[in-house]
Amino acid sequence: MSSELSVLLIAAASIGLFHTLFGPDHYLPFIVMSKSGKWSLRKTALITFFCGVGHVLSSVLLGIIGIVLGIAIIQLEAFESFRGNIAAWALIAFGLIYFVWGARQAFRNKPHQHFHLHKNGVSHTHTHTHNNEHIHVHIENENENETVIPWVLFAIFVFGPCEPLIPLLMYPAAKVNFWSLIFVTITFGVVTITTMMSIVLISAVGISFVPVSKLERYTHALAGATIFLSGMSIQFLGL
């Protein structure tokens, strides 16, 4: 392995790691949706993995198109930046819509008491929630949410760019070294996806031990708010 390729691989691994660590949109949506949706670790891992693969491959495809057509790096990065804006706004919109839906669910599921007086003179009160009482009416919508939400996240991540990947792809390509291009791409992708999955799964396991019974009915709203703030931080703070 040449020293030049070694430097490229170290750069690819380092940028993949820090690009993911400092981008909360790479893991926060999966952590909060895993909790609010009560996903299993297997489901959480699979959704995170496929979203990560789509996230990386979309930029790889763009980079390859740029190489084949001879498009300048500046032009590719400009397009990636445009994609990034769209993806950030999509994350903001998704978080806001999910927050509103979660807040509505929390309001409908507010526990309250009813007083009952029987003919024999015995009286009692009991606590219940209308949402649980009529769960059979809404179960179809819940199943639809479980199916749609992973696809929404996948679409957002496919459209979201990996800006650092473009110059990493173009440099070895400019040297007309096909294998360097392959190794750099694989290194960046593996490190990015591994970092995403590690943070998500470790956090999901950790959160599972936190007692949140009193906040149970607010988990959807809190998840939506977290995703909304994550998108805002990407769009306006450049994280």
Protein backbone atom coordinates (compact mmCIF):
# COMPACT_ATOMS: atom_id res chain seq x y z
CA MET A 1 0.00 0.00 0.00
CA SER A 2 1.47 3.36 -1.02
CA SER A 3 1.92 6.13 1.52
CA GLU A 4 -0.45 8.26 -0.56
CA LEU A 5 -3.24 5.68 -0.27
CA SER A 6 -2.54 5.25 3.46
CA VAL A 7 -3.04 8.98 4.00
CA LEU A 8 -6.27 8.89 1.99
CA LEU A 9 -7.64 5.95 3.98
CA ILE A 10 -6.79 7.57 7.32
CA ALA A 11 -8.44 10.78 6.12
CA ALA A 12 -11.52 8.87 4.94
CA ALA A 13 -11.86 7.04 8.26
CA SER A 14 -11.27 10.19 10.34
CA ILE A 15 -13.71 12.34 8.37
CA GLY A 16 -16.31 9.56 8.37
CA LEU A 17 -16.02 9.28 12.16
CA PHE A 18 -16.13 12.98 13.03
CA HIS A 19 -18.65 13.83 10.30
CA THR A 20 -21.03 11.39 11.99
CA LEU A 21 -20.23 12.26 15.61
CA PHE A 22 -20.77 15.98 15.08
CA GLY A 23 -23.91 15.50 12.98
CA PRO A 24 -26.78 14.78 15.41
CA ASP A 25 -29.07 14.08 12.46
CA HIS A 26 -27.08 10.87 11.90
CA TYR A 27 -28.32 9.25 15.11
CA LEU A 28 -30.84 11.30 17.15
CA PRO A 29 -33.84 10.50 14.90
CA PHE A 30 -33.21 6.76 15.28
CA ILE A 31 -32.68 6.95 19.05
CA VAL A 32 -35.89 8.85 19.77
CA MET A 33 -37.98 6.93 17.23
CA SER A 34 -36.73 3.65 18.68
CA LYS A 35 -37.97 4.73 22.09
CA SER A 36 -41.29 6.27 21.03
CA GLY A 37 -42.08 3.49 18.56
CA LYS A 38 -40.93 0.77 20.99
CA TRP A 39 -38.71 -0.72 18.32
CA SER A 40 -36.70 -3.82 19.12
CA LEU A 41 -32.91 -3.55 18.96
CA ARG A 42 -32.98 -5.64 15.78
CA LYS A 43 -35.47 -3.30 14.09
CA THR A 44 -33.54 -0.25 15.27
CA ALA A 45 -30.28 -1.69 13.92
CA LEU A 46 -31.80 -2.62 10.55
CA ILE A 47 -33.44 0.78 9.99
CA THR A 48 -30.27 2.63 11.02
CA PHE A 49 -28.14 0.41 8.78
CA PHE A 50 -30.25 0.81 5.64
CA CYS A 51 -30.64 4.56 6.16
CA GLY A 52 -26.86 4.82 6.58
CA VAL A 53 -26.24 2.81 3.41
CA GLY A 54 -28.66 4.99 1.45
CA HIS A 55 -27.06 8.12 2.91
CA VAL A 56 -23.57 7.13 1.76
CA LEU A 57 -24.47 5.50 -1.57
CA SER A 58 -26.41 8.53 -2.81
CA SER A 59 -23.26 10.66 -2.54
CA VAL A 60 -21.11 7.87 -3.99
CA LEU A 61 -23.41 7.74 -7.03
CA LEU A 62 -23.22 11.52 -7.41
CA GLY A 63 -19.43 11.40 -7.14
CA ILE A 64 -19.18 8.67 -9.78
CA ILE A 65 -21.43 10.64 -12.13
CA GLY A 66 -19.21 13.67 -11.57
CA ILE A 67 -16.09 11.63 -12.37
CA VAL A 68 -17.59 10.14 -15.54
CA LEU A 69 -18.91 13.46 -16.81
CA GLY A 70 -15.91 15.46 -15.66
CA ILE A 71 -17.96 17.80 -13.47
CA ALA A 72 -15.85 20.08 -11.26
CA ILE A 73 -15.69 19.42 -7.50
CA ILE A 74 -17.05 22.91 -6.79
CA GLN A 75 -20.16 22.18 -8.84
CA LEU A 76 -20.70 18.83 -7.11
CA GLU A 77 -20.28 20.35 -3.66
CA ALA A 78 -22.74 23.11 -4.58
CA PHE A 79 -25.31 20.47 -5.54
CA GLU A 80 -24.58 18.52 -2.33
CA SER A 81 -25.14 21.71 -0.34
CA PHE A 82 -28.49 22.20 -2.07
CA ARG A 83 -29.44 18.60 -1.26
CA GLY A 84 -28.38 19.23 2.33
CA ASN A 85 -30.76 22.18 2.64
CA ILE A 86 -33.67 20.15 1.29
CA ALA A 87 -32.88 17.21 3.61
CA ALA A 88 -32.61 19.51 6.64
CA TRP A 89 -35.96 21.13 5.90
CA ALA A 90 -37.49 17.69 5.37
CA LEU A 91 -36.18 16.62 8.80
CA ILE A 92 -37.59 19.82 10.35
CA ALA A 93 -40.99 19.25 8.72
CA PHE A 94 -41.08 15.58 9.74
CA GLY A 95 -40.17 16.44 13.34
CA LEU A 96 -42.80 19.19 13.54
CA ILE A 97 -45.56 17.01 12.08
CA TYR A 98 -44.63 14.12 14.38
CA PHE A 99 -44.56 16.47 17.38
CA VAL A 100 -48.07 17.77 16.62
CA TRP A 101 -49.34 14.21 16.16
CA GLY A 102 -47.63 13.09 19.38
CA ALA A 103 -49.01 16.04 21.34
CA ARG A 104 -52.51 15.20 20.09
CA GLN A 105 -52.05 11.58 21.13
CA ALA A 106 -50.82 12.66 24.57
CA PHE A 107 -53.83 14.95 25.05
CA ARG A 108 -56.27 12.23 24.03
CA ASN A 109 -54.56 9.75 26.34
CA LYS A 110 -54.76 12.00 29.42
CA PRO A 111 -55.92 9.86 32.40
CA HIS A 112 -59.11 10.99 34.12
CA GLN A 113 -61.57 9.60 36.69
CA HIS A 114 -65.23 8.67 36.55
CA PHE A 115 -67.60 8.31 39.53
CA HIS A 116 -70.10 5.41 39.53
CA LEU A 117 -73.06 4.91 41.92
CA HIS A 118 -74.66 1.46 41.83
CA LYS A 119 -78.25 0.55 42.76
CA ASN A 120 -77.11 -1.16 45.96
CA GLY A 121 -75.65 2.13 47.15
CA VAL A 122 -72.04 1.17 46.50
CA SER A 123 -70.02 3.90 44.79
CA HIS A 124 -66.53 3.92 43.35
CA THR A 125 -64.25 5.83 41.00
CA HIS A 126 -61.93 4.49 38.34
CA THR A 127 -59.24 5.98 36.17
CA HIS A 128 -58.99 5.34 32.45
CA THR A 129 -57.91 6.87 29.16
CA HIS A 130 -60.07 7.20 26.07
CA ASN A 131 -57.18 6.32 23.81
CA ASN A 132 -56.70 2.91 25.45
CA GLU A 133 -60.43 2.35 25.68
CA HIS A 134 -60.86 2.82 21.93
CA ILE A 135 -57.55 1.31 20.87
CA HIS A 136 -59.33 -0.99 18.41
CA VAL A 137 -60.45 2.03 16.39
CA HIS A 138 -56.94 3.40 15.99
CA ILE A 139 -54.86 0.23 15.71
CA GLU A 140 -54.87 0.44 11.90
CA ASN A 141 -53.40 3.96 12.03
CA GLU A 142 -50.72 2.80 14.47
CA ASN A 143 -49.69 0.01 12.11
CA GLU A 144 -49.57 2.47 9.22
CA ASN A 145 -47.26 4.73 11.23
CA GLU A 146 -44.93 1.81 11.98
CA THR A 147 -44.67 1.11 8.25
CA VAL A 148 -44.46 4.68 6.94
CA ILE A 149 -42.00 6.23 9.43
CA PRO A 150 -38.97 4.04 8.51
CA TRP A 151 -39.55 4.87 4.84
CA VAL A 152 -39.77 8.58 5.61
CA LEU A 153 -36.45 8.41 7.48
CA PHE A 154 -34.89 6.41 4.65
CA ALA A 155 -36.01 8.96 2.04
CA ILE A 156 -34.62 11.85 4.11
CA PHE A 157 -31.28 10.10 4.57
CA VAL A 158 -30.97 9.12 0.90
CA PHE A 159 -31.53 12.76 -0.04
CA GLY A 160 -29.17 13.98 2.70
CA PRO A 161 -25.59 14.44 1.43
CA CYS A 162 -22.22 13.24 2.70
CA GLU A 163 -20.37 16.43 1.71
CA PRO A 164 -16.87 15.23 2.73
CA LEU A 165 -17.14 12.21 0.43
CA ILE A 166 -16.99 14.20 -2.81
CA PRO A 167 -13.42 15.56 -2.50
CA LEU A 168 -12.30 12.21 -1.06
CA LEU A 169 -13.67 10.50 -4.15
CA MET A 170 -12.35 13.04 -6.64
CA TYR A 171 -8.75 13.11 -5.44
CA PRO A 172 -7.89 9.43 -6.13
CA ALA A 173 -9.98 9.63 -9.32
CA ALA A 174 -7.83 12.54 -10.50
CA LYS A 175 -4.81 10.26 -10.01
CA VAL A 176 -6.56 7.70 -12.23
CA ASN A 177 -6.40 5.07 -9.52
CA PHE A 178 -9.56 2.99 -9.55
CA TRP A 179 -8.65 0.83 -6.53
CA SER A 180 -7.85 3.86 -4.41
CA LEU A 181 -11.29 5.18 -5.26
CA ILE A 182 -12.90 1.90 -4.17
CA PHE A 183 -10.89 1.62 -0.93
CA VAL A 184 -11.54 5.23 0.08
CA THR A 185 -15.27 4.89 -0.58
CA ILE A 186 -15.56 1.61 1.36
CA THR A 187 -13.54 2.98 4.29
CA PHE A 188 -15.63 6.14 4.54
CA GLY A 189 -18.89 4.19 4.26
CA VAL A 190 -17.99 1.49 6.78
CA VAL A 191 -16.77 3.97 9.39
CA THR A 192 -19.80 6.26 8.91
CA ILE A 193 -22.38 3.46 9.17
CA THR A 194 -20.57 1.70 12.03
CA THR A 195 -20.41 4.95 14.00
CA MET A 196 -24.10 5.63 13.37
CA MET A 197 -25.14 2.15 14.51
CA SER A 198 -22.84 2.16 17.55
CA ILE A 199 -24.20 5.47 18.86
CA VAL A 200 -27.82 4.52 18.16
CA LEU A 201 -27.69 1.03 19.71
CA ILE A 202 -25.67 2.06 22.78
CA SER A 203 -28.06 4.97 23.38
CA ALA A 204 -31.15 2.81 22.79
CA VAL A 205 -29.94 0.25 25.34
CA GLY A 206 -29.07 2.99 27.84
CA ILE A 207 -32.44 4.73 27.50
CA SER A 208 -34.25 1.43 28.05
CA PHE A 209 -33.02 1.45 31.66
CA VAL A 210 -34.31 4.98 32.33
CA PRO A 211 -37.72 4.95 34.10
CA VAL A 212 -40.07 7.06 31.99
CA SER A 213 -43.46 5.68 32.99
CA LYS A 214 -44.74 9.16 33.91
CA LEU A 215 -43.67 10.49 30.52
CA GLU A 216 -44.87 7.47 28.54
CA ARG A 217 -47.73 9.28 26.83
CA TYR A 218 -45.42 12.14 25.82
CA THR A 219 -42.77 10.01 24.09
CA HIS A 220 -44.10 10.65 20.57
CA ALA A 221 -44.24 14.41 21.14
CA LEU A 222 -40.76 14.43 22.69
CA ALA A 223 -39.42 12.39 19.77
CA GLY A 224 -40.91 14.83 17.27
CA ALA A 225 -39.48 17.81 19.16
CA THR A 226 -36.03 16.20 19.24
CA ILE A 227 -36.07 15.50 15.50
CA PHE A 228 -37.31 19.05 14.83
CA LEU A 229 -34.47 20.56 16.90
CA SER A 230 -31.97 18.23 15.21
CA GLY A 231 -33.04 19.50 11.80
CA MET A 232 -32.91 23.10 13.03
CA SER A 233 -29.37 22.62 14.33
CA ILE A 234 -28.30 21.25 10.94
CA GLN A 235 -29.97 24.01 8.98
CA PHE A 236 -29.07 27.03 11.12
CA LEU A 237 -26.03 25.98 13.17
CA GLY A 238 -24.30 23.97 10.46
CA LEU A 239 -23.80 20.90 12.66
